[in-house]
N, C-alpha and C. Protein backbone atom coordinates (compact mmCIF):
# COMPACT_ATOMS: atom_id res chain seq x y z
N MET A 1 12.38 20.00 0.41
CA MET A 1 12.44 19.35 -0.74
C MET A 1 11.83 17.74 -0.45
N SER A 2 11.27 17.48 -1.32
CA SER A 2 10.81 15.98 -1.19
C SER A 2 11.02 15.53 -1.81
N LYS A 3 11.12 14.28 -1.96
CA LYS A 3 12.02 13.40 -2.55
C LYS A 3 10.61 12.27 -2.91
N VAL A 4 10.38 11.88 -3.85
CA VAL A 4 9.27 10.77 -4.48
C VAL A 4 10.06 9.54 -4.94
N PHE A 5 9.35 8.01 -4.01
CA PHE A 5 9.72 6.79 -4.36
C PHE A 5 8.78 5.80 -4.92
N LYS A 6 8.39 5.06 -5.43
CA LYS A 6 8.00 4.09 -5.98
C LYS A 6 8.54 2.02 -4.73
N VAL A 7 7.63 2.10 -4.09
CA VAL A 7 7.69 1.32 -3.21
C VAL A 7 7.45 0.06 -3.97
N THR A 8 8.24 -1.64 -3.77
CA THR A 8 7.63 -2.93 -3.84
C THR A 8 8.03 -3.88 -3.67
N PRO A 9 7.17 -4.97 -2.83
CA PRO A 9 7.49 -5.87 -2.22
C PRO A 9 8.52 -6.79 -3.17
N LYS A 10 9.49 -7.47 -2.90
CA LYS A 10 10.21 -8.34 -3.02
C LYS A 10 9.64 -9.40 -3.84
N ARG A 11 8.73 -9.82 -2.40
CA ARG A 11 8.63 -11.56 -3.24
C ARG A 11 6.95 -11.31 -1.75
N VAL A 12 6.17 -12.22 -2.29
CA VAL A 12 5.47 -12.60 -1.19
C VAL A 12 5.39 -12.75 -0.09
N LYS A 13 4.34 -12.25 0.93
CA LYS A 13 4.80 -12.64 2.17
C LYS A 13 4.05 -12.65 3.32
N ARG A 14 4.59 -13.52 3.56
CA ARG A 14 3.10 -14.46 5.02
C ARG A 14 3.26 -14.32 6.22
N ALA A 15 2.88 -13.25 7.06
CA ALA A 15 3.33 -13.08 8.39
C ALA A 15 1.83 -12.60 9.30
N ASN A 16 1.58 -13.68 10.99
CA ASN A 16 0.22 -12.97 11.16
C ASN A 16 -0.64 -12.94 10.46
N GLY A 17 -0.90 -13.13 9.25
CA GLY A 17 -2.10 -13.17 9.11
C GLY A 17 -2.55 -12.83 7.44
N LEU A 18 -1.34 -11.66 7.58
CA LEU A 18 -1.21 -10.59 6.30
C LEU A 18 -0.48 -11.41 5.53
N VAL A 19 -0.92 -10.97 4.07
CA VAL A 19 -0.17 -10.58 2.66
C VAL A 19 0.36 -9.97 2.24
N LEU A 20 1.32 -10.24 2.27
CA LEU A 20 1.42 -8.93 0.67
C LEU A 20 2.16 -9.51 -0.19
N THR A 21 2.22 -8.93 -1.39
CA THR A 21 2.30 -9.21 -2.88
C THR A 21 3.35 -8.53 -3.31
N PRO A 22 4.03 -8.80 -4.28
CA PRO A 22 4.38 -8.12 -5.49
C PRO A 22 3.75 -7.26 -6.05
N GLU A 23 2.27 -6.82 -5.67
CA GLU A 23 1.32 -5.99 -6.73
C GLU A 23 1.12 -5.33 -6.34
N MET A 24 1.41 -5.20 -4.84
CA MET A 24 1.47 -4.02 -3.92
C MET A 24 1.92 -2.81 -3.81
N SER A 25 2.27 -2.41 -4.79
CA SER A 25 3.43 -1.45 -5.01
C SER A 25 2.73 0.33 -4.59
N VAL A 26 3.83 0.45 -3.94
CA VAL A 26 2.83 2.14 -3.36
C VAL A 26 3.47 3.21 -3.93
N ILE A 27 3.50 4.23 -3.94
CA ILE A 27 4.44 5.72 -4.36
C ILE A 27 4.37 6.58 -2.77
N VAL A 28 5.25 6.52 -2.13
CA VAL A 28 5.44 7.72 -1.14
C VAL A 28 6.81 8.81 -1.25
N THR A 29 6.24 10.21 -0.41
CA THR A 29 6.25 11.01 -1.13
C THR A 29 7.11 11.68 0.46
N CYS A 30 9.11 11.50 0.68
CA CYS A 30 8.86 11.83 1.83
C CYS A 30 9.46 13.49 2.26
N ASN A 31 9.33 13.66 2.97
CA ASN A 31 9.95 14.72 3.42
C ASN A 31 10.95 15.35 2.91
N MET A 32 12.09 15.05 3.62
CA MET A 32 13.05 15.12 4.06
C MET A 32 14.07 14.64 3.11
N SER A 33 15.17 15.36 2.45
CA SER A 33 16.16 15.36 1.25
C SER A 33 16.75 13.52 2.08
N THR A 34 16.66 12.39 0.85
CA THR A 34 17.14 11.25 1.65
C THR A 34 17.68 10.23 0.75
N ILE A 35 17.99 9.52 0.82
CA ILE A 35 18.48 8.22 -0.83
C ILE A 35 17.38 6.88 -0.24
N THR A 36 17.25 7.36 0.74
CA THR A 36 15.81 5.26 0.85
C THR A 36 15.02 5.78 1.30
N PRO A 37 13.52 5.29 0.68
CA PRO A 37 12.35 6.16 1.82
C PRO A 37 12.26 5.14 3.23
N PHE A 38 13.23 4.10 4.05
CA PHE A 38 12.80 4.11 4.99
C PHE A 38 14.41 4.07 5.63
N TYR A 39 14.54 5.90 5.64
CA TYR A 39 15.21 6.30 6.40
C TYR A 39 14.85 6.38 8.18
N ASN A 40 13.72 6.68 8.23
CA ASN A 40 13.88 6.91 9.26
C ASN A 40 12.05 5.98 9.86
N GLY A 41 12.98 4.74 9.33
CA GLY A 41 11.89 3.92 10.28
C GLY A 41 10.95 3.48 9.24
N ALA A 42 10.77 3.77 7.98
CA ALA A 42 9.85 3.49 6.74
C ALA A 42 8.74 4.26 7.53
N LYS A 43 8.64 5.31 8.31
CA LYS A 43 7.34 5.75 8.38
C LYS A 43 6.21 6.36 7.65
N GLU A 44 6.45 6.66 5.88
CA GLU A 44 5.86 7.14 5.69
C GLU A 44 5.54 5.93 4.73
N VAL A 45 6.58 4.85 4.69
CA VAL A 45 6.13 4.12 3.62
C VAL A 45 4.98 2.94 4.53
N GLN A 46 5.01 3.03 5.92
CA GLN A 46 4.07 2.39 6.87
C GLN A 46 2.98 2.52 6.35
N GLU A 47 2.60 4.17 6.29
CA GLU A 47 1.87 4.70 6.61
C GLU A 47 0.67 5.09 5.14
N ARG A 48 1.28 5.32 4.37
CA ARG A 48 0.98 4.28 2.94
C ARG A 48 0.40 3.51 2.74
N TYR A 49 0.57 2.03 3.26
CA TYR A 49 0.33 1.27 3.03
C TYR A 49 -1.04 0.89 3.59
N MET A 50 -1.02 1.21 4.95
CA MET A 50 -2.08 1.47 5.69
C MET A 50 -3.07 2.07 4.81
N GLN A 51 -3.23 3.28 4.33
CA GLN A 51 -4.14 3.69 3.92
C GLN A 51 -4.54 3.28 2.42
N VAL A 52 -3.60 2.78 1.33
CA VAL A 52 -4.19 2.04 0.41
C VAL A 52 -4.61 0.69 0.60
N TYR A 53 -4.01 -0.20 1.27
CA TYR A 53 -4.24 -1.20 1.54
C TYR A 53 -4.89 -1.92 2.86
N GLY A 54 -4.63 -1.19 3.60
CA GLY A 54 -4.93 -1.67 4.88
C GLY A 54 -4.16 -2.44 5.09
N PHE A 55 -2.61 -2.08 5.35
CA PHE A 55 -1.73 -3.62 5.05
C PHE A 55 -0.73 -3.36 6.54
N ASP A 56 -0.72 -3.58 7.81
CA ASP A 56 0.03 -3.53 9.02
C ASP A 56 1.70 -4.11 8.99
N TYR A 57 2.15 -2.73 8.88
CA TYR A 57 3.57 -3.11 8.05
C TYR A 57 4.50 -3.66 9.71
N LYS A 58 4.52 -2.92 10.26
CA LYS A 58 4.78 -3.76 11.36
C LYS A 58 3.87 -4.71 12.21
N LYS A 59 2.83 -5.47 11.90
CA LYS A 59 2.78 -6.83 12.30
C LYS A 59 2.82 -7.45 11.34
N ALA A 60 3.34 -7.20 9.97
CA ALA A 60 3.33 -8.33 9.00
C ALA A 60 5.15 -8.84 9.00
N CYS A 61 5.58 -8.12 10.23
CA CYS A 61 7.40 -7.87 10.58
C CYS A 61 8.02 -7.46 9.41
N CYS A 62 7.54 -5.96 8.33
CA CYS A 62 8.44 -5.89 7.27
C CYS A 62 9.29 -4.86 7.40
N THR A 63 10.50 -5.11 6.65
CA THR A 63 11.92 -4.30 6.81
C THR A 63 12.08 -4.20 5.34
N GLN A 64 13.24 -3.39 5.43
CA GLN A 64 13.62 -2.82 4.40
C GLN A 64 14.20 -4.28 3.27
N SER A 65 14.63 -4.97 3.68
CA SER A 65 15.02 -6.01 2.33
C SER A 65 13.79 -6.50 1.67
N ASP A 66 12.57 -6.74 2.41
CA ASP A 66 11.68 -7.26 1.83
C ASP A 66 11.11 -6.65 0.39
N PHE A 67 11.52 -5.33 0.44
CA PHE A 67 10.94 -3.85 -0.83
C PHE A 67 12.56 -3.75 -1.75
N ASP A 68 11.84 -3.42 -2.67
CA ASP A 68 12.46 -2.95 -3.30
C ASP A 68 12.08 -1.36 -3.75
N TYR A 69 12.77 -0.51 -4.08
CA TYR A 69 12.39 1.10 -4.51
C TYR A 69 13.06 2.10 -6.21
N GLN A 70 12.76 2.67 -5.93
CA GLN A 70 13.47 3.62 -7.46
C GLN A 70 13.15 4.52 -6.92
N LYS A 71 13.87 5.83 -7.35
CA LYS A 71 13.53 7.27 -7.07
C LYS A 71 12.60 7.50 -8.33
N LEU A 72 11.66 8.55 -8.13
CA LEU A 72 11.01 9.04 -9.42
C LEU A 72 11.07 10.66 -9.91
N ASP A 73 11.79 10.70 -8.85
CA ASP A 73 11.74 12.51 -9.55
C ASP A 73 13.72 12.68 -9.65
């Protein structure tokens, strides 16, 4: 059963030449039943940010505390 989340940055973050802003929200679909999109090292979140914005989650040293999320389904 898939879960769908909307992930939104809490604030502007600048790290390693990358900028993450609150306007950069994404919709993430997780394959497993879970209560958070960050359960497996945020793999789906990382992939989605790279696809939509070309933003490297790991290079910017992002963590779960940098984001708000809400369950859509």
